[in-house]
C-alpha atoms as a PDB file:
ATOM      1  CA  MET A   1      32.029   7.799  11.829  1.00  0.00           C
ATOM      2  CA  HIS A   2      29.473   8.810   9.751  1.00  0.00           C
ATOM      3  CA  ARG A   3      26.616   6.189   9.998  1.00  0.00           C
ATOM      4  CA  GLU A   4      24.503   5.627   7.317  1.00  0.00           C
ATOM      5  CA  THR A   5      20.700   5.406   7.879  1.00  0.00           C
ATOM      6  CA  LEU A   6      19.425   2.255   8.007  1.00  0.00           C
ATOM      7  CA  PRO A   7      17.464   0.959   4.678  1.00  0.00           C
ATOM      8  CA  ASP A   8      13.298   1.132   5.251  1.00  0.00           C
ATOM      9  CA  SER A   9      13.975   2.748   8.480  1.00  0.00           C
ATOM     10  CA  GLY A  10      11.762   5.508   7.885  1.00  0.00           C
ATOM     11  CA  ASN A  11       9.172   3.207   5.545  1.00  0.00           C
ATOM     12  CA  VAL A  12       8.272   0.683   8.894  1.00  0.00           C
ATOM     13  CA  LEU A  13       7.537   3.833  11.129  1.00  0.00           C
ATOM     14  CA  THR A  14       5.544   5.532   8.362  1.00  0.00           C
ATOM     15  CA  PHE A  15       3.842   1.657   7.593  1.00  0.00           C
ATOM     16  CA  GLY A  16       3.270   1.517  11.273  1.00  0.00           C
ATOM     17  CA  ILE A  17       1.342   4.984  11.914  1.00  0.00           C
ATOM     18  CA  LEU A  18      -0.583   4.081   8.913  1.00  0.00           C
ATOM     19  CA  SER A  19      -1.657   1.199  10.345  1.00  0.00           C
ATOM     20  CA  ILE A  20      -2.993   2.460  13.661  1.00  0.00           C
ATOM     21  CA  VAL A  21      -4.456   5.749  11.776  1.00  0.00           C
ATOM     22  CA  LEU A  22      -6.607   4.070   9.019  1.00  0.00           C
ATOM     23  CA  THR A  23      -7.782   1.684  11.638  1.00  0.00           C
ATOM     24  CA  LEU A  24      -9.010   3.733  13.634  1.00  0.00           C
ATOM     25  CA  LEU A  25     -10.045   6.602  11.286  1.00  0.00           C
ATOM     26  CA  CYS A  26     -11.594   4.694   8.545  1.00  0.00           C
ATOM     27  CA  CYS A  27     -11.005   1.514   7.157  1.00  0.00           C
ATOM     28  CA  GLY A  28      -9.831  -1.777   9.375  1.00  0.00           C
ATOM     29  CA  PRO A  29      -8.932  -3.709   6.580  1.00  0.00           C
ATOM     30  CA  PHE A  30      -6.130  -1.337   5.096  1.00  0.00           C
ATOM     31  CA  GLY A  31      -4.727  -0.719   8.638  1.00  0.00           C
ATOM     32  CA  GLY A  32      -4.290  -4.584   8.786  1.00  0.00           C
ATOM     33  CA  ILE A  33      -2.832  -4.536   5.675  1.00  0.00           C
ATOM     34  CA  PHE A  34      -0.344  -1.643   6.436  1.00  0.00           C
ATOM     35  CA  GLY A  35       0.471  -3.159   9.704  1.00  0.00           C
ATOM     36  CA  ILE A  36       1.402  -6.492   7.735  1.00  0.00           C
ATOM     37  CA  ILE A  37       3.793  -4.368   5.186  1.00  0.00           C
ATOM     38  CA  GLY A  38       5.175  -2.611   8.157  1.00  0.00           C
ATOM     39  CA  LEU A  39       6.310  -5.985   9.813  1.00  0.00           C
ATOM     40  CA  SER A  40       7.749  -7.383   6.442  1.00  0.00           C
ATOM     41  CA  LYS A  41       9.993  -3.847   5.959  1.00  0.00           C
ATOM     42  CA  ALA A  42      11.129  -4.189   9.291  1.00  0.00           C
ATOM     43  CA  LYS A  43      12.079  -7.748   9.526  1.00  0.00           C
ATOM     44  CA  LYS A  44      14.084  -7.129   6.154  1.00  0.00           C
ATOM     45  CA  ALA A  45      15.383  -3.824   8.140  1.00  0.00           C
ATOM     46  CA  GLU A  46      16.296  -5.837  11.133  1.00  0.00           C
ATOM     47  CA  ARG A  47      18.237  -8.676   8.743  1.00  0.00           C
ATOM     48  CA  ILE A  48      20.278  -5.967   7.588  1.00  0.00           C
ATOM     49  CA  TYR A  49      21.270  -3.905  10.893  1.00  0.00           C
ATOM     50  CA  HIS A  50      21.967  -7.331  12.540  1.00  0.00           C
ATOM     51  CA  ILE A  51      24.867  -8.320  10.034  1.00  0.00           C
ATOM     52  CA  GLU A  52      26.653  -5.054  10.594  1.00  0.00           C
ATOM     53  CA  PRO A  53      25.246  -2.808  13.388  1.00  0.00           C
ATOM     54  CA  GLU A  54      27.712  -0.424  13.479  1.00  0.00           C
ATOM     55  CA  ARG A  55      27.369   0.795   9.569  1.00  0.00           C
ATOM     56  CA  TYR A  56      23.653   1.674  10.260  1.00  0.00           C
ATOM     57  CA  SER A  57      21.543   4.599  12.590  1.00  0.00           C
ATOM     58  CA  GLY A  58      17.701   4.996  12.485  1.00  0.00           C
ATOM     59  CA  TYR A  59      17.193   1.015  14.379  1.00  0.00           C
ATOM     60  CA  ASP A  60      14.749   2.742  17.121  1.00  0.00           C
ATOM     61  CA  ASN A  61      12.504   3.367  13.763  1.00  0.00           C
ATOM     62  CA  VAL A  62      12.589   0.161  13.260  1.00  0.00           C
ATOM     63  CA  LYS A  63      11.685  -1.036  17.029  1.00  0.00           C
ATOM     64  CA  THR A  64       9.332   1.643  17.133  1.00  0.00           C
ATOM     65  CA  GLY A  65       7.704   1.079  13.719  1.00  0.00           C
ATOM     66  CA  ARG A  66       6.868  -2.911  14.419  1.00  0.00           C
ATOM     67  CA  ILE A  67       5.665  -1.905  17.907  1.00  0.00           C
ATOM     68  CA  LEU A  68       2.897   0.439  15.834  1.00  0.00           C
ATOM     69  CA  SER A  69       2.249  -2.208  13.113  1.00  0.00           C
ATOM     70  CA  TYR A  70       1.851  -4.943  15.744  1.00  0.00           C
ATOM     71  CA  ILE A  71      -0.786  -1.990  17.336  1.00  0.00           C
ATOM     72  CA  GLY A  72      -2.481  -1.508  14.187  1.00  0.00           C
ATOM     73  CA  ILE A  73      -3.010  -5.426  13.374  1.00  0.00           C
ATOM     74  CA  ALA A  74      -4.572  -5.915  16.644  1.00  0.00           C
ATOM     75  CA  LEU A  75      -6.952  -2.910  16.241  1.00  0.00           C
ATOM     76  CA  ALA A  76      -7.705  -4.245  12.902  1.00  0.00           C
ATOM     77  CA  ALA A  77      -8.424  -7.575  14.531  1.00  0.00           C
ATOM     78  CA  ILE A  78     -10.716  -6.359  16.971  1.00  0.00           C
ATOM     79  CA  LEU A  79     -12.904  -3.750  14.779  1.00  0.00           C
ATOM     80  CA  LEU A  80     -13.246  -7.028  12.518  1.00  0.00           C
ATOM     81  CA  VAL A  81     -14.663  -9.030  15.434  1.00  0.00           C
ATOM     82  CA  PHE A  82     -16.586  -6.270  16.676  1.00  0.00           C
ATOM     83  CA  THR A  83     -17.963  -6.019  13.106  1.00  0.00           C
ATOM     84  CA  ILE A  84     -18.595  -9.810  12.595  1.00  0.00           C
ATOM     85  CA  ILE A  85     -20.536  -9.747  15.752  1.00  0.00           C
ATOM     86  CA  TYR A  86     -22.713  -6.628  14.822  1.00  0.00           C
ATOM     87  CA  PHE A  87     -23.963  -8.182  11.500  1.00  0.00           C
ATOM     88  CA  GLY A  88     -24.365 -11.366  13.607  1.00  0.00           C
ATOM     89  CA  VAL A  89     -26.823  -9.630  15.785  1.00  0.00           C
ATOM     90  CA  ILE A  90     -28.555  -8.090  13.070  1.00  0.00           C
ATOM     91  CA  ALA A  91     -29.354 -11.099  10.811  1.00  0.00           C
ATOM     92  CA  ALA A  92     -30.194 -12.425  14.162  1.00  0.00           C
ATOM     93  CA  ILE A  93     -32.548  -9.828  14.783  1.00  0.00           C
ATOM     94  CA  ILE A  94     -33.766 -10.020  10.997  1.00  0.00           C
ATOM     95  CA  ALA A  95     -34.615 -14.071  11.056  1.00  0.00           C
ATOM     96  CA  GLY A  96     -36.275 -13.786  14.399  1.00  0.00           C
ATOM     97  CA  ALA A  97     -38.118 -11.232  13.013  1.00  0.00           C
ATOM     98  CA  ALA A  98     -39.139 -13.355  10.103  1.00  0.00           C
ATOM     99  CA  SER A  99     -40.195 -16.227  12.017  1.00  0.00           C
ATOM    100  CA  GLU A 100     -42.441 -14.436  14.033  1.00  0.00           C
ATOM    101  CA  GLY A 101     -44.005 -12.966  11.604  1.00  0.00           C
ATOM    102  CA  ALA A 102     -44.627 -16.376  10.083  1.00  0.00           C
ATOM    103  CA  PHE A 103     -46.340 -18.109  12.666  1.00  0.00           C
ATOM    104  CA  GLN A 104     -48.965 -15.515  13.364  1.00  0.00           C
END
């Protein structure tokens, strides 16, 4: 029996990979966005698969893409926290230097 490829199974995997790569290499927010898109497509593909599991193949791609999307979102969140801390420290240093100059 020939099984059809699960719709969006390749897209879920692609979005999961893109979420990690974009977060690590260039821009964290875009990685998070691709991770969220990957999760929404994974949910849709899982819903289709669970209706007729014997009809479709490619569910492993959906599971892998979902895990990669979670990792990409987590990395984007960690990068966001570090960015906020970084700019907060810079603002504190500038504010401290400005207040020391005002009292001299």
